Amino acid sequence: MASILVVEDEDNIATALDFLLSRDGHKHRRMATGAGAVDEIRASHPDLVLLDVMLPDVSGYQIVQDVRADPALNGVRVLLMTARGSVVERRKGLALGADGFIAKPFELSELRAELARLLGGRC
């Protein structure tokens, strides 16, 4: 089982993620804002962060950049999620150090496949 931090401000998406992650047996917790996300990642060192790009207080891009700047967090995988799923957005996210990128709305099967890929089959 994997430890997953969900950083998502939209309740309906967070509820769907909670259902999927619980059903698959993952230990997870949610933050509804990006404020304090990097500190939480440092404290809990999750296996994976499901990170919304468009948060009300700080961009998911800034969070992934801060995580990648900290050598102690090298093992933390980051999957960016955004409603702006353009090629430019994807390239930007991956260039900043995200391990994956998924456009919203996403199919649960698509998300599960990305989780399996990023967690090395621990799904």
N, C-alpha and C. Protein backbone atom coordinates (compact mmCIF):
# COMPACT_ATOMS: atom_id res chain seq x y z
N MET A 1 0.82 -1.20 0.00
CA MET A 1 0.00 0.00 0.00
C MET A 1 0.87 1.26 0.00
N ALA A 2 0.39 2.25 -0.68
CA ALA A 2 1.13 3.50 -0.80
C ALA A 2 0.54 4.58 0.10
N SER A 3 1.38 5.51 0.45
CA SER A 3 0.97 6.70 1.20
C SER A 3 0.84 7.84 0.18
N ILE A 4 -0.36 8.43 0.11
CA ILE A 4 -0.65 9.44 -0.92
C ILE A 4 -1.20 10.70 -0.27
N LEU A 5 -0.66 11.85 -0.68
CA LEU A 5 -1.18 13.14 -0.27
C LEU A 5 -1.92 13.74 -1.45
N VAL A 6 -3.18 14.10 -1.24
CA VAL A 6 -4.00 14.73 -2.27
C VAL A 6 -4.08 16.22 -1.95
N VAL A 7 -3.66 17.06 -2.89
CA VAL A 7 -3.77 18.51 -2.73
C VAL A 7 -4.74 18.97 -3.81
N GLU A 8 -5.99 19.15 -3.42
CA GLU A 8 -7.09 19.42 -4.37
C GLU A 8 -8.13 20.29 -3.69
N ASP A 9 -8.48 21.42 -4.31
CA ASP A 9 -9.44 22.34 -3.69
C ASP A 9 -10.89 22.05 -4.07
N GLU A 10 -11.13 21.30 -5.12
CA GLU A 10 -12.51 21.01 -5.54
C GLU A 10 -13.02 19.77 -4.81
N ASP A 11 -14.07 19.97 -4.00
CA ASP A 11 -14.60 18.90 -3.17
C ASP A 11 -15.07 17.68 -3.96
N ASN A 12 -15.72 17.92 -5.12
CA ASN A 12 -16.24 16.77 -5.88
C ASN A 12 -15.11 15.90 -6.41
N ILE A 13 -14.02 16.50 -6.83
CA ILE A 13 -12.87 15.72 -7.31
C ILE A 13 -12.20 15.02 -6.13
N ALA A 14 -12.06 15.73 -5.01
CA ALA A 14 -11.46 15.13 -3.82
C ALA A 14 -12.28 13.93 -3.34
N THR A 15 -13.60 14.02 -3.42
CA THR A 15 -14.47 12.92 -3.01
C THR A 15 -14.25 11.71 -3.92
N ALA A 16 -14.16 11.93 -5.22
CA ALA A 16 -13.92 10.84 -6.16
C ALA A 16 -12.56 10.20 -5.91
N LEU A 17 -11.55 11.02 -5.65
CA LEU A 17 -10.21 10.50 -5.35
C LEU A 17 -10.21 9.71 -4.05
N ASP A 18 -10.93 10.22 -3.05
CA ASP A 18 -11.03 9.52 -1.77
C ASP A 18 -11.64 8.13 -1.96
N PHE A 19 -12.70 8.07 -2.76
CA PHE A 19 -13.36 6.78 -3.03
C PHE A 19 -12.38 5.82 -3.70
N LEU A 20 -11.72 6.27 -4.75
CA LEU A 20 -10.80 5.41 -5.49
C LEU A 20 -9.65 4.94 -4.62
N LEU A 21 -9.01 5.87 -3.91
CA LEU A 21 -7.85 5.53 -3.09
C LEU A 21 -8.22 4.61 -1.94
N SER A 22 -9.38 4.86 -1.33
CA SER A 22 -9.85 3.99 -0.24
C SER A 22 -10.15 2.60 -0.76
N ARG A 23 -10.82 2.52 -1.90
CA ARG A 23 -11.17 1.23 -2.49
C ARG A 23 -9.92 0.41 -2.82
N ASP A 24 -8.87 1.11 -3.24
CA ASP A 24 -7.63 0.42 -3.59
C ASP A 24 -6.72 0.19 -2.38
N GLY A 25 -7.16 0.64 -1.19
CA GLY A 25 -6.43 0.35 0.03
C GLY A 25 -5.26 1.26 0.34
N HIS A 26 -5.21 2.41 -0.31
CA HIS A 26 -4.10 3.33 -0.05
C HIS A 26 -4.36 4.17 1.19
N LYS A 27 -3.28 4.46 1.90
CA LYS A 27 -3.33 5.41 3.02
C LYS A 27 -3.22 6.80 2.39
N HIS A 28 -4.20 7.65 2.65
CA HIS A 28 -4.16 8.97 2.01
C HIS A 28 -4.77 10.04 2.91
N ARG A 29 -4.38 11.26 2.59
CA ARG A 29 -4.96 12.40 3.29
C ARG A 29 -5.06 13.53 2.30
N ARG A 30 -5.97 14.47 2.58
CA ARG A 30 -6.22 15.57 1.65
C ARG A 30 -5.91 16.91 2.29
N MET A 31 -5.36 17.78 1.46
CA MET A 31 -5.24 19.19 1.80
C MET A 31 -6.07 19.94 0.75
N ALA A 32 -6.88 20.90 1.19
CA ALA A 32 -7.76 21.62 0.26
C ALA A 32 -7.10 22.87 -0.32
N THR A 33 -5.93 23.22 0.20
CA THR A 33 -5.19 24.36 -0.34
C THR A 33 -3.72 23.97 -0.47
N GLY A 34 -2.99 24.79 -1.19
CA GLY A 34 -1.57 24.53 -1.36
C GLY A 34 -0.72 25.09 -0.24
N ALA A 35 -1.31 25.97 0.57
CA ALA A 35 -0.56 26.56 1.69
C ALA A 35 -0.14 25.46 2.65
N GLY A 36 1.14 25.37 2.90
CA GLY A 36 1.64 24.36 3.81
C GLY A 36 1.86 22.99 3.18
N ALA A 37 1.60 22.87 1.88
CA ALA A 37 1.73 21.56 1.23
C ALA A 37 3.18 21.06 1.25
N VAL A 38 4.12 21.94 0.97
CA VAL A 38 5.53 21.52 0.95
C VAL A 38 5.96 21.09 2.35
N ASP A 39 5.53 21.82 3.37
CA ASP A 39 5.85 21.44 4.75
C ASP A 39 5.25 20.07 5.09
N GLU A 40 4.02 19.84 4.64
CA GLU A 40 3.37 18.55 4.89
C GLU A 40 4.10 17.42 4.15
N ILE A 41 4.54 17.69 2.95
CA ILE A 41 5.28 16.68 2.18
C ILE A 41 6.60 16.36 2.89
N ARG A 42 7.26 17.38 3.41
CA ARG A 42 8.51 17.15 4.16
C ARG A 42 8.24 16.34 5.43
N ALA A 43 7.14 16.63 6.11
CA ALA A 43 6.83 15.96 7.38
C ALA A 43 6.39 14.51 7.17
N SER A 44 5.56 14.26 6.17
CA SER A 44 4.98 12.92 6.01
C SER A 44 5.66 12.08 4.95
N HIS A 45 6.44 12.70 4.09
CA HIS A 45 7.18 12.03 3.03
C HIS A 45 6.33 10.95 2.34
N PRO A 46 5.22 11.38 1.67
CA PRO A 46 4.35 10.40 1.01
C PRO A 46 5.04 9.76 -0.19
N ASP A 47 4.53 8.62 -0.61
CA ASP A 47 5.05 7.97 -1.81
C ASP A 47 4.67 8.77 -3.05
N LEU A 48 3.48 9.39 -3.00
CA LEU A 48 2.94 10.11 -4.15
C LEU A 48 2.13 11.30 -3.70
N VAL A 49 2.22 12.39 -4.46
CA VAL A 49 1.38 13.57 -4.25
C VAL A 49 0.53 13.75 -5.50
N LEU A 50 -0.79 13.72 -5.31
CA LEU A 50 -1.73 14.07 -6.38
C LEU A 50 -1.98 15.55 -6.23
N LEU A 51 -1.46 16.34 -7.15
CA LEU A 51 -1.37 17.79 -6.98
C LEU A 51 -2.13 18.54 -8.05
N ASP A 52 -3.14 19.28 -7.64
CA ASP A 52 -3.88 20.15 -8.55
C ASP A 52 -2.98 21.32 -8.94
N VAL A 53 -3.01 21.70 -10.20
CA VAL A 53 -2.20 22.85 -10.65
C VAL A 53 -2.82 24.16 -10.19
N MET A 54 -4.15 24.28 -10.35
CA MET A 54 -4.82 25.55 -10.05
C MET A 54 -5.43 25.53 -8.66
N LEU A 55 -4.65 25.99 -7.70
CA LEU A 55 -5.11 26.08 -6.31
C LEU A 55 -5.33 27.56 -5.99
N PRO A 56 -6.18 27.86 -5.01
CA PRO A 56 -6.50 29.25 -4.74
C PRO A 56 -5.36 30.11 -4.19
N ASP A 57 -4.39 29.51 -3.54
CA ASP A 57 -3.38 30.32 -2.85
C ASP A 57 -1.98 30.21 -3.44
N VAL A 58 -1.61 29.03 -3.93
CA VAL A 58 -0.28 28.83 -4.51
C VAL A 58 -0.42 27.82 -5.65
N SER A 59 0.30 28.05 -6.71
CA SER A 59 0.21 27.17 -7.88
C SER A 59 0.83 25.81 -7.60
N GLY A 60 0.21 24.78 -8.16
CA GLY A 60 0.80 23.45 -8.09
C GLY A 60 2.18 23.41 -8.73
N TYR A 61 2.39 24.26 -9.74
CA TYR A 61 3.70 24.35 -10.37
C TYR A 61 4.76 24.81 -9.36
N GLN A 62 4.39 25.79 -8.53
CA GLN A 62 5.32 26.28 -7.51
C GLN A 62 5.62 25.18 -6.49
N ILE A 63 4.60 24.42 -6.12
CA ILE A 63 4.78 23.36 -5.13
C ILE A 63 5.72 22.29 -5.68
N VAL A 64 5.51 21.85 -6.92
CA VAL A 64 6.39 20.81 -7.49
C VAL A 64 7.82 21.33 -7.62
N GLN A 65 7.95 22.60 -7.95
CA GLN A 65 9.29 23.20 -8.04
C GLN A 65 9.98 23.20 -6.68
N ASP A 66 9.23 23.54 -5.63
CA ASP A 66 9.80 23.56 -4.27
C ASP A 66 10.16 22.14 -3.81
N VAL A 67 9.32 21.17 -4.15
CA VAL A 67 9.60 19.77 -3.77
C VAL A 67 10.87 19.30 -4.47
N ARG A 68 11.00 19.60 -5.74
CA ARG A 68 12.19 19.17 -6.49
C ARG A 68 13.46 19.90 -6.06
N ALA A 69 13.33 21.05 -5.45
CA ALA A 69 14.50 21.79 -4.97
C ALA A 69 15.04 21.21 -3.66
N ASP A 70 14.28 20.32 -3.03
CA ASP A 70 14.68 19.74 -1.74
C ASP A 70 15.19 18.31 -1.98
N PRO A 71 16.52 18.09 -1.88
CA PRO A 71 17.08 16.76 -2.14
C PRO A 71 16.49 15.67 -1.24
N ALA A 72 16.02 16.03 -0.06
CA ALA A 72 15.45 15.04 0.86
C ALA A 72 14.13 14.47 0.33
N LEU A 73 13.55 15.13 -0.67
CA LEU A 73 12.25 14.69 -1.20
C LEU A 73 12.37 14.02 -2.57
N ASN A 74 13.59 13.60 -2.93
CA ASN A 74 13.81 13.00 -4.25
C ASN A 74 12.91 11.80 -4.53
N GLY A 75 12.58 11.02 -3.51
CA GLY A 75 11.78 9.81 -3.73
C GLY A 75 10.28 10.05 -3.83
N VAL A 76 9.84 11.28 -3.60
CA VAL A 76 8.40 11.58 -3.64
C VAL A 76 7.98 11.79 -5.10
N ARG A 77 7.03 11.00 -5.54
CA ARG A 77 6.49 11.15 -6.90
C ARG A 77 5.37 12.20 -6.88
N VAL A 78 5.27 12.96 -7.97
CA VAL A 78 4.23 14.00 -8.07
C VAL A 78 3.46 13.81 -9.37
N LEU A 79 2.14 13.68 -9.24
CA LEU A 79 1.25 13.61 -10.39
C LEU A 79 0.42 14.89 -10.41
N LEU A 80 0.66 15.73 -11.41
CA LEU A 80 -0.10 16.97 -11.56
C LEU A 80 -1.44 16.68 -12.21
N MET A 81 -2.47 17.39 -11.72
CA MET A 81 -3.82 17.27 -12.27
C MET A 81 -4.29 18.68 -12.62
N THR A 82 -4.85 18.85 -13.83
CA THR A 82 -5.35 20.17 -14.19
C THR A 82 -6.45 20.07 -15.24
N ALA A 83 -7.34 21.05 -15.18
CA ALA A 83 -8.38 21.16 -16.20
C ALA A 83 -7.80 21.76 -17.48
N ARG A 84 -6.63 22.37 -17.36
CA ARG A 84 -5.97 22.94 -18.54
C ARG A 84 -4.96 21.93 -19.06
N GLY A 85 -5.45 20.94 -19.78
CA GLY A 85 -4.61 19.81 -20.17
C GLY A 85 -3.88 19.99 -21.49
N SER A 86 -3.48 21.20 -21.81
CA SER A 86 -2.81 21.41 -23.10
C SER A 86 -1.40 20.84 -23.09
N VAL A 87 -0.84 20.70 -24.27
CA VAL A 87 0.53 20.22 -24.41
C VAL A 87 1.50 21.17 -23.70
N VAL A 88 1.25 22.46 -23.79
CA VAL A 88 2.12 23.46 -23.14
C VAL A 88 2.10 23.27 -21.62
N GLU A 89 0.92 23.07 -21.06
CA GLU A 89 0.80 22.85 -19.61
C GLU A 89 1.53 21.58 -19.20
N ARG A 90 1.36 20.52 -19.99
CA ARG A 90 2.00 19.24 -19.70
C ARG A 90 3.53 19.40 -19.72
N ARG A 91 4.04 20.05 -20.77
CA ARG A 91 5.48 20.26 -20.87
C ARG A 91 6.02 21.06 -19.70
N LYS A 92 5.28 22.09 -19.32
CA LYS A 92 5.71 22.94 -18.20
C LYS A 92 5.79 22.11 -16.92
N GLY A 93 4.75 21.33 -16.63
CA GLY A 93 4.72 20.52 -15.43
C GLY A 93 5.84 19.50 -15.38
N LEU A 94 6.08 18.82 -16.50
CA LEU A 94 7.14 17.82 -16.54
C LEU A 94 8.51 18.48 -16.47
N ALA A 95 8.66 19.65 -17.08
CA ALA A 95 9.94 20.38 -17.03
C ALA A 95 10.27 20.83 -15.61
N LEU A 96 9.24 21.12 -14.82
CA LEU A 96 9.46 21.54 -13.44
C LEU A 96 9.74 20.36 -12.51
N GLY A 97 9.56 19.14 -13.02
CA GLY A 97 9.91 17.98 -12.22
C GLY A 97 8.77 17.05 -11.86
N ALA A 98 7.56 17.30 -12.38
CA ALA A 98 6.46 16.37 -12.11
C ALA A 98 6.77 15.03 -12.77
N ASP A 99 6.30 13.96 -12.15
CA ASP A 99 6.52 12.62 -12.67
C ASP A 99 5.43 12.20 -13.64
N GLY A 100 4.31 12.90 -13.59
CA GLY A 100 3.19 12.60 -14.48
C GLY A 100 2.24 13.77 -14.52
N PHE A 101 1.32 13.71 -15.47
CA PHE A 101 0.40 14.82 -15.71
C PHE A 101 -0.90 14.21 -16.21
N ILE A 102 -2.01 14.58 -15.60
CA ILE A 102 -3.30 14.04 -16.03
C ILE A 102 -4.29 15.20 -16.15
N ALA A 103 -5.04 15.21 -17.25
CA ALA A 103 -6.00 16.27 -17.49
C ALA A 103 -7.35 15.92 -16.87
N LYS A 104 -7.98 16.92 -16.24
CA LYS A 104 -9.32 16.74 -15.67
C LYS A 104 -10.34 17.19 -16.72
N PRO A 105 -11.49 16.57 -16.81
CA PRO A 105 -11.87 15.38 -16.04
C PRO A 105 -11.16 14.15 -16.59
N PHE A 106 -10.82 13.25 -15.70
CA PHE A 106 -10.11 12.04 -16.11
C PHE A 106 -10.97 10.83 -15.83
N GLU A 107 -10.72 9.80 -16.59
CA GLU A 107 -11.37 8.51 -16.35
C GLU A 107 -10.66 7.85 -15.17
N LEU A 108 -11.40 7.17 -14.33
CA LEU A 108 -10.77 6.49 -13.19
C LEU A 108 -9.76 5.46 -13.65
N SER A 109 -10.03 4.81 -14.77
CA SER A 109 -9.08 3.81 -15.27
C SER A 109 -7.77 4.48 -15.68
N GLU A 110 -7.86 5.68 -16.24
CA GLU A 110 -6.66 6.43 -16.63
C GLU A 110 -5.85 6.81 -15.38
N LEU A 111 -6.55 7.26 -14.35
CA LEU A 111 -5.87 7.63 -13.11
C LEU A 111 -5.24 6.40 -12.46
N ARG A 112 -5.95 5.30 -12.43
CA ARG A 112 -5.41 4.08 -11.83
C ARG A 112 -4.16 3.60 -12.57
N ALA A 113 -4.16 3.75 -13.88
CA ALA A 113 -2.99 3.35 -14.68
C ALA A 113 -1.79 4.24 -14.33
N GLU A 114 -2.02 5.53 -14.17
CA GLU A 114 -0.94 6.44 -13.79
C GLU A 114 -0.44 6.13 -12.37
N LEU A 115 -1.36 5.84 -11.46
CA LEU A 115 -0.96 5.48 -10.10
C LEU A 115 -0.09 4.22 -10.12
N ALA A 116 -0.50 3.23 -10.88
CA ALA A 116 0.27 1.99 -10.98
C ALA A 116 1.66 2.26 -11.55
N ARG A 117 1.73 3.10 -12.57
CA ARG A 117 3.01 3.41 -13.20
C ARG A 117 3.93 4.13 -12.21
N LEU A 118 3.40 5.13 -11.51
CA LEU A 118 4.21 5.94 -10.61
C LEU A 118 4.58 5.22 -9.32
N LEU A 119 3.74 4.30 -8.92
CA LEU A 119 4.00 3.59 -7.66
C LEU A 119 4.65 2.23 -7.90
N GLY A 120 5.02 1.96 -9.11
CA GLY A 120 5.71 0.70 -9.41
C GLY A 120 4.85 -0.52 -9.14
N GLY A 121 3.55 -0.39 -9.43
CA GLY A 121 2.66 -1.55 -9.26
C GLY A 121 2.06 -1.69 -7.87
N ARG A 122 2.36 -0.76 -6.96
CA ARG A 122 1.81 -0.86 -5.59
C ARG A 122 0.38 -0.35 -5.54
N CYS A 123 -0.44 -0.76 -6.50
CA CYS A 123 -1.84 -0.33 -6.53
C CYS A 123 -2.75 -1.50 -6.35
